[in-house]
Amino acid sequence: MERRQAALGSAAFFVLAPGGVAGLLPWLLTRWRVEEPLPFWLPLRVLGALLLLGGLAVLISSFARFAAEGLGTPAPVAPPDRLVVGGFYRYVRNPMYLAVLALIVGQALVLGQLVLIAYAAVVTAAFTAMVHWHEEPALHRQFGDQYDTYRAAVPGWLPRLRPWVSG
């Protein structure tokens, strides 16, 4: 796939997938109304804002990496031609999922909407199941030993402290 096609496909998938999971569904659950669940909630709002900024930065960078490095998209219908192992993928195998979860939890804290914490738990379970039952077997079939080496070196959910350097 050409880089331009990969970039357009990634942008479209960005709007649909994370846009739906971390944008539309939280809005439907909360209408983005601000609540004050506990006194002195301000420090948690600040933490939420940091999670939103960080999650968005990781998500955008990771999507861009699929087009630039992988020559494909994160969408299952147009997967990358090359295994994506640069950028945040040097620290953790699932930075996009972690970024989406950061966006959901960030909204929960900024808005004081605890229903989004429960929603984040459901999304976590769905992401974990999808990675285990679909993505990891598909990546092993597509990239074989290259993926197995990467999987052995880079954790799935808790980032490494130092970036992995492929040999």
N, C-alpha and C. Protein backbone atom coordinates (compact mmCIF):
# COMPACT_ATOMS: atom_id res chain seq x y z
N MET A 1 0.85 -1.17 0.00
CA MET A 1 0.00 0.00 0.00
C MET A 1 0.90 1.24 0.00
N GLU A 2 0.51 2.25 -0.74
CA GLU A 2 1.26 3.50 -0.77
C GLU A 2 1.03 4.29 0.52
N ARG A 3 2.01 5.14 0.86
CA ARG A 3 1.91 5.92 2.10
C ARG A 3 0.66 6.81 2.11
N ARG A 4 0.36 7.41 0.98
CA ARG A 4 -0.81 8.31 0.93
C ARG A 4 -2.10 7.54 1.21
N GLN A 5 -2.26 6.38 0.60
CA GLN A 5 -3.44 5.55 0.85
C GLN A 5 -3.47 5.10 2.32
N ALA A 6 -2.30 4.71 2.83
CA ALA A 6 -2.22 4.28 4.22
C ALA A 6 -2.60 5.42 5.17
N ALA A 7 -2.15 6.63 4.87
CA ALA A 7 -2.47 7.78 5.71
C ALA A 7 -3.97 8.09 5.68
N LEU A 8 -4.56 8.06 4.50
CA LEU A 8 -6.00 8.32 4.39
C LEU A 8 -6.81 7.23 5.09
N GLY A 9 -6.41 5.98 4.91
CA GLY A 9 -7.10 4.88 5.58
C GLY A 9 -6.97 4.96 7.08
N SER A 10 -5.78 5.30 7.55
CA SER A 10 -5.57 5.44 8.99
C SER A 10 -6.40 6.58 9.56
N ALA A 11 -6.48 7.69 8.83
CA ALA A 11 -7.28 8.83 9.30
C ALA A 11 -8.76 8.46 9.39
N ALA A 12 -9.25 7.76 8.39
CA ALA A 12 -10.66 7.34 8.41
C ALA A 12 -10.92 6.39 9.57
N PHE A 13 -10.02 5.44 9.78
CA PHE A 13 -10.19 4.49 10.88
C PHE A 13 -10.06 5.19 12.23
N PHE A 14 -9.22 6.21 12.31
CA PHE A 14 -9.05 7.00 13.54
C PHE A 14 -10.39 7.61 13.95
N VAL A 15 -11.10 8.18 12.99
CA VAL A 15 -12.39 8.80 13.29
C VAL A 15 -13.40 7.74 13.73
N LEU A 16 -13.42 6.61 13.03
CA LEU A 16 -14.42 5.58 13.32
C LEU A 16 -14.16 4.84 14.62
N ALA A 17 -12.97 4.27 14.77
CA ALA A 17 -12.73 3.38 15.92
C ALA A 17 -12.47 4.16 17.22
N PRO A 18 -11.33 4.82 17.37
CA PRO A 18 -11.14 5.55 18.62
C PRO A 18 -12.15 6.68 18.78
N GLY A 19 -12.55 7.29 17.66
CA GLY A 19 -13.56 8.35 17.75
C GLY A 19 -14.86 7.86 18.34
N GLY A 20 -15.23 6.65 17.99
CA GLY A 20 -16.45 6.06 18.54
C GLY A 20 -16.29 5.61 19.97
N VAL A 21 -15.21 4.87 20.24
CA VAL A 21 -15.00 4.28 21.57
C VAL A 21 -14.64 5.34 22.61
N ALA A 22 -13.80 6.30 22.24
CA ALA A 22 -13.33 7.29 23.22
C ALA A 22 -14.01 8.65 23.07
N GLY A 23 -14.85 8.80 22.06
CA GLY A 23 -15.53 10.07 21.85
C GLY A 23 -17.05 9.94 21.91
N LEU A 24 -17.61 9.27 20.92
CA LEU A 24 -19.07 9.18 20.83
C LEU A 24 -19.70 8.45 22.01
N LEU A 25 -19.21 7.27 22.35
CA LEU A 25 -19.83 6.51 23.44
C LEU A 25 -19.71 7.23 24.80
N PRO A 26 -18.55 7.81 25.16
CA PRO A 26 -18.53 8.59 26.40
C PRO A 26 -19.50 9.77 26.37
N TRP A 27 -19.65 10.39 25.21
CA TRP A 27 -20.61 11.49 25.11
C TRP A 27 -22.03 10.98 25.31
N LEU A 28 -22.37 9.84 24.71
CA LEU A 28 -23.71 9.27 24.89
C LEU A 28 -23.97 8.90 26.35
N LEU A 29 -22.94 8.45 27.05
CA LEU A 29 -23.10 8.08 28.46
C LEU A 29 -23.21 9.29 29.39
N THR A 30 -22.57 10.39 29.02
CA THR A 30 -22.46 11.52 29.96
C THR A 30 -22.97 12.86 29.43
N ARG A 31 -23.13 12.93 28.11
CA ARG A 31 -23.40 14.21 27.44
C ARG A 31 -22.35 15.25 27.82
N TRP A 32 -21.21 14.75 28.29
CA TRP A 32 -20.07 15.56 28.72
C TRP A 32 -20.47 16.61 29.77
N ARG A 33 -21.39 16.21 30.63
CA ARG A 33 -21.78 17.07 31.75
C ARG A 33 -20.74 16.95 32.86
N VAL A 34 -20.40 18.06 33.45
CA VAL A 34 -19.43 18.08 34.55
C VAL A 34 -20.16 17.86 35.86
N GLU A 35 -19.67 16.90 36.63
CA GLU A 35 -20.21 16.58 37.95
C GLU A 35 -19.13 16.83 39.00
N GLU A 36 -19.54 16.87 40.24
CA GLU A 36 -18.60 17.01 41.36
C GLU A 36 -18.87 15.84 42.30
N PRO A 37 -18.30 14.63 41.99
CA PRO A 37 -18.64 13.45 42.78
C PRO A 37 -18.14 13.49 44.21
N LEU A 38 -17.03 14.16 44.45
CA LEU A 38 -16.46 14.26 45.79
C LEU A 38 -15.90 15.66 45.99
N PRO A 39 -15.83 16.13 47.23
CA PRO A 39 -15.17 17.41 47.47
C PRO A 39 -13.70 17.33 47.06
N PHE A 40 -13.14 18.44 46.72
CA PHE A 40 -11.73 18.52 46.37
C PHE A 40 -11.38 17.66 45.14
N TRP A 41 -12.22 17.68 44.14
CA TRP A 41 -12.04 16.88 42.93
C TRP A 41 -11.01 17.51 41.99
N LEU A 42 -10.64 18.77 42.20
CA LEU A 42 -9.75 19.49 41.27
C LEU A 42 -8.45 18.75 40.93
N PRO A 43 -7.72 18.17 41.90
CA PRO A 43 -6.48 17.47 41.52
C PRO A 43 -6.75 16.31 40.55
N LEU A 44 -7.88 15.64 40.69
CA LEU A 44 -8.22 14.56 39.78
C LEU A 44 -8.59 15.10 38.40
N ARG A 45 -9.17 16.27 38.35
CA ARG A 45 -9.46 16.91 37.05
C ARG A 45 -8.14 17.23 36.32
N VAL A 46 -7.15 17.70 37.06
CA VAL A 46 -5.85 18.00 36.47
C VAL A 46 -5.21 16.72 35.94
N LEU A 47 -5.26 15.66 36.72
CA LEU A 47 -4.73 14.37 36.27
C LEU A 47 -5.49 13.91 35.02
N GLY A 48 -6.81 14.10 35.00
CA GLY A 48 -7.61 13.75 33.83
C GLY A 48 -7.20 14.52 32.59
N ALA A 49 -6.93 15.80 32.75
CA ALA A 49 -6.49 16.61 31.61
C ALA A 49 -5.15 16.11 31.08
N LEU A 50 -4.25 15.73 31.97
CA LEU A 50 -2.96 15.19 31.54
C LEU A 50 -3.14 13.86 30.80
N LEU A 51 -4.05 13.03 31.30
CA LEU A 51 -4.34 11.76 30.60
C LEU A 51 -4.93 12.02 29.21
N LEU A 52 -5.79 13.01 29.10
CA LEU A 52 -6.36 13.34 27.80
C LEU A 52 -5.29 13.81 26.82
N LEU A 53 -4.43 14.70 27.27
CA LEU A 53 -3.36 15.21 26.39
C LEU A 53 -2.38 14.11 26.01
N GLY A 54 -1.94 13.35 26.98
CA GLY A 54 -1.00 12.27 26.72
C GLY A 54 -1.60 11.18 25.84
N GLY A 55 -2.84 10.79 26.15
CA GLY A 55 -3.51 9.76 25.36
C GLY A 55 -3.68 10.18 23.91
N LEU A 56 -4.07 11.42 23.70
CA LEU A 56 -4.26 11.91 22.34
C LEU A 56 -2.93 11.94 21.58
N ALA A 57 -1.86 12.38 22.24
CA ALA A 57 -0.54 12.42 21.59
C ALA A 57 -0.07 11.02 21.20
N VAL A 58 -0.23 10.05 22.10
CA VAL A 58 0.19 8.68 21.81
C VAL A 58 -0.66 8.10 20.69
N LEU A 59 -1.95 8.36 20.72
CA LEU A 59 -2.86 7.82 19.71
C LEU A 59 -2.53 8.36 18.32
N ILE A 60 -2.36 9.66 18.21
CA ILE A 60 -2.04 10.27 16.91
C ILE A 60 -0.69 9.75 16.39
N SER A 61 0.30 9.71 17.26
CA SER A 61 1.61 9.22 16.86
C SER A 61 1.55 7.77 16.40
N SER A 62 0.82 6.95 17.12
CA SER A 62 0.73 5.53 16.77
C SER A 62 0.01 5.32 15.45
N PHE A 63 -1.05 6.05 15.23
CA PHE A 63 -1.77 5.94 13.95
C PHE A 63 -0.88 6.37 12.80
N ALA A 64 -0.15 7.47 12.99
CA ALA A 64 0.75 7.95 11.94
C ALA A 64 1.84 6.93 11.66
N ARG A 65 2.31 6.25 12.67
CA ARG A 65 3.37 5.26 12.50
C ARG A 65 2.90 4.10 11.62
N PHE A 66 1.63 3.72 11.71
CA PHE A 66 1.11 2.64 10.86
C PHE A 66 1.24 3.01 9.39
N ALA A 67 0.95 4.26 9.06
CA ALA A 67 1.06 4.69 7.66
C ALA A 67 2.52 4.83 7.24
N ALA A 68 3.34 5.47 8.08
CA ALA A 68 4.72 5.76 7.70
C ALA A 68 5.63 4.54 7.77
N GLU A 69 5.53 3.77 8.83
CA GLU A 69 6.43 2.62 9.02
C GLU A 69 5.83 1.33 8.49
N GLY A 70 4.54 1.13 8.74
CA GLY A 70 3.92 -0.14 8.37
C GLY A 70 3.35 -0.19 6.97
N LEU A 71 3.21 0.98 6.34
CA LEU A 71 2.58 1.09 5.02
C LEU A 71 1.22 0.41 4.99
N GLY A 72 0.44 0.70 6.03
CA GLY A 72 -0.91 0.17 6.15
C GLY A 72 -1.67 0.96 7.18
N THR A 73 -2.73 0.37 7.68
CA THR A 73 -3.56 1.03 8.68
C THR A 73 -3.74 0.11 9.88
N PRO A 74 -4.23 0.63 10.99
CA PRO A 74 -4.57 -0.23 12.12
C PRO A 74 -5.85 -1.04 11.87
N ALA A 75 -6.60 -0.69 10.84
CA ALA A 75 -7.86 -1.38 10.54
C ALA A 75 -7.58 -2.79 10.03
N PRO A 76 -8.32 -3.76 10.52
CA PRO A 76 -8.10 -5.14 10.08
C PRO A 76 -8.30 -5.34 8.57
N VAL A 77 -9.06 -4.47 7.92
CA VAL A 77 -9.29 -4.63 6.48
C VAL A 77 -8.12 -4.15 5.64
N ALA A 78 -7.21 -3.37 6.22
CA ALA A 78 -6.04 -2.87 5.49
C ALA A 78 -4.82 -2.89 6.40
N PRO A 79 -4.38 -4.08 6.83
CA PRO A 79 -3.28 -4.16 7.79
C PRO A 79 -1.96 -3.70 7.19
N PRO A 80 -0.99 -3.42 8.04
CA PRO A 80 0.31 -2.95 7.55
C PRO A 80 1.05 -4.07 6.81
N ASP A 81 1.89 -3.67 5.87
CA ASP A 81 2.75 -4.61 5.14
C ASP A 81 3.97 -4.99 5.98
N ARG A 82 4.36 -4.09 6.87
CA ARG A 82 5.54 -4.31 7.72
C ARG A 82 5.11 -4.25 9.18
N LEU A 83 5.78 -5.02 10.01
CA LEU A 83 5.50 -5.00 11.45
C LEU A 83 5.91 -3.64 12.01
N VAL A 84 5.00 -3.01 12.72
CA VAL A 84 5.25 -1.68 13.30
C VAL A 84 5.89 -1.88 14.68
N VAL A 85 7.16 -1.45 14.81
CA VAL A 85 7.89 -1.63 16.06
C VAL A 85 8.60 -0.37 16.52
N GLY A 86 8.34 0.77 15.87
CA GLY A 86 9.00 2.02 16.24
C GLY A 86 8.13 2.88 17.13
N GLY A 87 8.64 4.03 17.49
CA GLY A 87 7.88 4.99 18.31
C GLY A 87 7.48 4.38 19.64
N PHE A 88 6.22 4.58 20.02
CA PHE A 88 5.73 4.04 21.29
C PHE A 88 5.70 2.52 21.29
N TYR A 89 5.71 1.91 20.12
CA TYR A 89 5.73 0.45 20.02
C TYR A 89 7.07 -0.13 20.50
N ARG A 90 8.06 0.70 20.73
CA ARG A 90 9.32 0.24 21.30
C ARG A 90 9.20 0.02 22.80
N TYR A 91 8.14 0.56 23.41
CA TYR A 91 7.93 0.46 24.85
C TYR A 91 6.82 -0.52 25.22
N VAL A 92 5.80 -0.60 24.38
CA VAL A 92 4.64 -1.44 24.69
C VAL A 92 3.97 -1.84 23.38
N ARG A 93 3.44 -3.07 23.33
CA ARG A 93 2.87 -3.57 22.08
C ARG A 93 1.50 -2.97 21.76
N ASN A 94 0.83 -2.43 22.73
CA ASN A 94 -0.54 -1.95 22.52
C ASN A 94 -0.73 -0.49 22.90
N PRO A 95 0.10 0.42 22.37
CA PRO A 95 -0.03 1.82 22.79
C PRO A 95 -1.36 2.46 22.38
N MET A 96 -1.94 2.04 21.28
CA MET A 96 -3.22 2.64 20.87
C MET A 96 -4.32 2.29 21.86
N TYR A 97 -4.37 1.04 22.28
CA TYR A 97 -5.41 0.65 23.25
C TYR A 97 -5.20 1.38 24.57
N LEU A 98 -3.96 1.48 25.01
CA LEU A 98 -3.69 2.20 26.25
C LEU A 98 -4.05 3.68 26.11
N ALA A 99 -3.80 4.25 24.93
CA ALA A 99 -4.14 5.66 24.71
C ALA A 99 -5.66 5.86 24.75
N VAL A 100 -6.41 4.96 24.13
CA VAL A 100 -7.88 5.07 24.17
C VAL A 100 -8.37 4.96 25.61
N LEU A 101 -7.81 4.05 26.37
CA LEU A 101 -8.21 3.92 27.78
C LEU A 101 -7.84 5.18 28.56
N ALA A 102 -6.69 5.78 28.26
CA ALA A 102 -6.31 7.04 28.92
C ALA A 102 -7.32 8.13 28.59
N LEU A 103 -7.80 8.15 27.34
CA LEU A 103 -8.80 9.16 26.95
C LEU A 103 -10.11 8.97 27.71
N ILE A 104 -10.52 7.73 27.88
CA ILE A 104 -11.78 7.46 28.60
C ILE A 104 -11.63 7.82 30.07
N VAL A 105 -10.56 7.35 30.70
CA VAL A 105 -10.35 7.64 32.12
C VAL A 105 -10.11 9.14 32.31
N GLY A 106 -9.40 9.77 31.39
CA GLY A 106 -9.20 11.21 31.46
C GLY A 106 -10.52 11.97 31.46
N GLN A 107 -11.43 11.55 30.57
CA GLN A 107 -12.75 12.19 30.56
C GLN A 107 -13.49 11.95 31.86
N ALA A 108 -13.39 10.73 32.40
CA ALA A 108 -14.05 10.42 33.68
C ALA A 108 -13.59 11.37 34.76
N LEU A 109 -12.29 11.63 34.81
CA LEU A 109 -11.74 12.49 35.86
C LEU A 109 -12.05 13.97 35.61
N VAL A 110 -11.92 14.42 34.36
CA VAL A 110 -12.20 15.82 34.05
C VAL A 110 -13.68 16.14 34.31
N LEU A 111 -14.54 15.23 33.89
CA LEU A 111 -15.98 15.47 34.01
C LEU A 111 -16.54 15.07 35.37
N GLY A 112 -15.78 14.28 36.13
CA GLY A 112 -16.32 13.76 37.39
C GLY A 112 -17.42 12.74 37.14
N GLN A 113 -17.35 12.06 36.02
CA GLN A 113 -18.37 11.08 35.62
C GLN A 113 -17.85 9.67 35.86
N LEU A 114 -18.18 9.11 37.00
CA LEU A 114 -17.65 7.81 37.38
C LEU A 114 -18.19 6.67 36.53
N VAL A 115 -19.28 6.89 35.83
CA VAL A 115 -19.80 5.87 34.91
C VAL A 115 -18.75 5.54 33.85
N LEU A 116 -17.89 6.50 33.53
CA LEU A 116 -16.86 6.26 32.53
C LEU A 116 -15.75 5.35 33.05
N ILE A 117 -15.59 5.26 34.36
CA ILE A 117 -14.62 4.30 34.92
C ILE A 117 -15.14 2.88 34.67
N ALA A 118 -16.42 2.66 34.90
CA ALA A 118 -17.01 1.35 34.61
C ALA A 118 -16.93 1.04 33.11
N TYR A 119 -17.20 2.04 32.30
CA TYR A 119 -17.10 1.88 30.85
C TYR A 119 -15.66 1.52 30.46
N ALA A 120 -14.67 2.16 31.07
CA ALA A 120 -13.27 1.86 30.78
C ALA A 120 -12.94 0.41 31.14
N ALA A 121 -13.53 -0.10 32.21
CA ALA A 121 -13.30 -1.50 32.59
C ALA A 121 -13.85 -2.45 31.53
N VAL A 122 -15.02 -2.14 30.99
CA VAL A 122 -15.61 -2.97 29.93
C VAL A 122 -14.76 -2.90 28.67
N VAL A 123 -14.31 -1.70 28.32
CA VAL A 123 -13.46 -1.53 27.13
C VAL A 123 -12.13 -2.27 27.33
N THR A 124 -11.57 -2.23 28.53
CA THR A 124 -10.34 -2.96 28.82
C THR A 124 -10.52 -4.45 28.56
N ALA A 125 -11.62 -5.00 29.05
CA ALA A 125 -11.89 -6.43 28.84
C ALA A 125 -12.03 -6.74 27.35
N ALA A 126 -12.71 -5.88 26.61
CA ALA A 126 -12.89 -6.10 25.17
C ALA A 126 -11.55 -6.02 24.44
N PHE A 127 -10.74 -5.02 24.77
CA PHE A 127 -9.42 -4.88 24.13
C PHE A 127 -8.55 -6.10 24.42
N THR A 128 -8.53 -6.52 25.68
CA THR A 128 -7.70 -7.65 26.07
C THR A 128 -8.10 -8.91 25.32
N ALA A 129 -9.39 -9.15 25.23
CA ALA A 129 -9.88 -10.34 24.50
C ALA A 129 -9.53 -10.25 23.02
N MET A 130 -9.71 -9.08 22.42
CA MET A 130 -9.43 -8.92 21.00
C MET A 130 -7.95 -9.14 20.71
N VAL A 131 -7.08 -8.60 21.55
CA VAL A 131 -5.64 -8.78 21.36
C VAL A 131 -5.28 -10.26 21.48
N HIS A 132 -5.77 -10.91 22.52
CA HIS A 132 -5.42 -12.30 22.79
C HIS A 132 -5.96 -13.26 21.72
N TRP A 133 -7.22 -13.09 21.37
CA TRP A 133 -7.87 -14.08 20.49
C TRP A 133 -7.76 -13.75 19.01
N HIS A 134 -7.53 -12.48 18.65
CA HIS A 134 -7.47 -12.13 17.23
C HIS A 134 -6.12 -11.56 16.80
N GLU A 135 -5.71 -10.47 17.42
CA GLU A 135 -4.54 -9.75 16.92
C GLU A 135 -3.23 -10.53 17.04
N GLU A 136 -2.96 -11.09 18.20
CA GLU A 136 -1.70 -11.81 18.36
C GLU A 136 -1.60 -13.01 17.42
N PRO A 137 -2.64 -13.84 17.28
CA PRO A 137 -2.54 -14.93 16.29
C PRO A 137 -2.39 -14.42 14.86
N ALA A 138 -3.10 -13.34 14.51
CA ALA A 138 -3.00 -12.79 13.15
C ALA A 138 -1.60 -12.25 12.88
N LEU A 139 -1.01 -11.55 13.86
CA LEU A 139 0.34 -11.02 13.69
C LEU A 139 1.36 -12.16 13.59
N HIS A 140 1.16 -13.21 14.36
CA HIS A 140 2.07 -14.36 14.27
C HIS A 140 1.97 -15.00 12.88
N ARG A 141 0.77 -15.15 12.35
CA ARG A 141 0.61 -15.72 11.01
C ARG A 141 1.25 -14.83 9.94
N GLN A 142 1.09 -13.51 10.08
CA GLN A 142 1.59 -12.60 9.05
C GLN A 142 3.10 -12.38 9.14
N PHE A 143 3.64 -12.25 10.36
CA PHE A 143 5.04 -11.86 10.50
C PHE A 143 5.94 -12.93 11.12
N GLY A 144 5.37 -14.02 11.59
CA GLY A 144 6.13 -15.17 12.08
C GLY A 144 7.15 -14.85 13.15
N ASP A 145 8.40 -15.29 12.89
CA ASP A 145 9.48 -15.13 13.88
C ASP A 145 9.75 -13.67 14.24
N GLN A 146 9.56 -12.77 13.28
CA GLN A 146 9.78 -11.35 13.56
C GLN A 146 8.83 -10.88 14.67
N TYR A 147 7.56 -11.28 14.58
CA TYR A 147 6.60 -10.91 15.62
C TYR A 147 6.90 -11.63 16.93
N ASP A 148 7.28 -12.90 16.86
CA ASP A 148 7.58 -13.64 18.08
C ASP A 148 8.75 -13.01 18.85
N THR A 149 9.78 -12.56 18.13
CA THR A 149 10.91 -11.89 18.76
C THR A 149 10.45 -10.59 19.41
N TYR A 150 9.66 -9.82 18.69
CA TYR A 150 9.13 -8.55 19.21
C TYR A 150 8.26 -8.81 20.44
N ARG A 151 7.38 -9.79 20.34
CA ARG A 151 6.46 -10.10 21.45
C ARG A 151 7.23 -10.53 22.70
N ALA A 152 8.31 -11.27 22.52
CA ALA A 152 9.11 -11.71 23.66
C ALA A 152 9.85 -10.54 24.33
N ALA A 153 10.17 -9.51 23.55
CA ALA A 153 10.98 -8.40 24.06
C ALA A 153 10.17 -7.23 24.60
N VAL A 154 8.96 -7.03 24.08
CA VAL A 154 8.18 -5.85 24.42
C VAL A 154 6.87 -6.30 25.09
N PRO A 155 6.59 -5.81 26.30
CA PRO A 155 5.37 -6.22 26.98
C PRO A 155 4.11 -5.69 26.29
N GLY A 156 3.02 -6.40 26.51
CA GLY A 156 1.77 -6.03 25.88
C GLY A 156 1.09 -4.83 26.51
N TRP A 157 1.12 -4.74 27.83
CA TRP A 157 0.28 -3.73 28.49
C TRP A 157 1.03 -2.81 29.45
N LEU A 158 2.08 -3.24 30.07
CA LEU A 158 2.85 -2.38 30.99
C LEU A 158 4.14 -1.98 30.29
N PRO A 159 4.28 -0.71 29.94
CA PRO A 159 5.43 -0.28 29.13
C PRO A 159 6.78 -0.57 29.79
N ARG A 160 7.75 -0.85 28.92
CA ARG A 160 9.15 -0.97 29.36
C ARG A 160 9.64 0.41 29.79
N LEU A 161 10.65 0.43 30.62
CA LEU A 161 11.25 1.71 31.01
C LEU A 161 12.20 2.22 29.94
N ARG A 162 12.87 1.30 29.25
CA ARG A 162 13.79 1.67 28.18
C ARG A 162 13.26 1.12 26.87
N PRO A 163 13.46 1.87 25.79
CA PRO A 163 12.93 1.39 24.51
C PRO A 163 13.66 0.14 24.01
N TRP A 164 12.89 -0.74 23.39
CA TRP A 164 13.45 -1.93 22.77
C TRP A 164 14.11 -1.53 21.47
N VAL A 165 15.26 -2.09 21.19
CA VAL A 165 15.97 -1.84 19.94
C VAL A 165 16.03 -3.16 19.19
N SER A 166 15.40 -3.19 18.02
CA SER A 166 15.38 -4.42 17.24
C SER A 166 16.77 -4.71 16.70
N GLY A 167 17.11 -6.00 16.66
CA GLY A 167 18.44 -6.40 16.25
C GLY A 167 18.50 -6.57 14.82
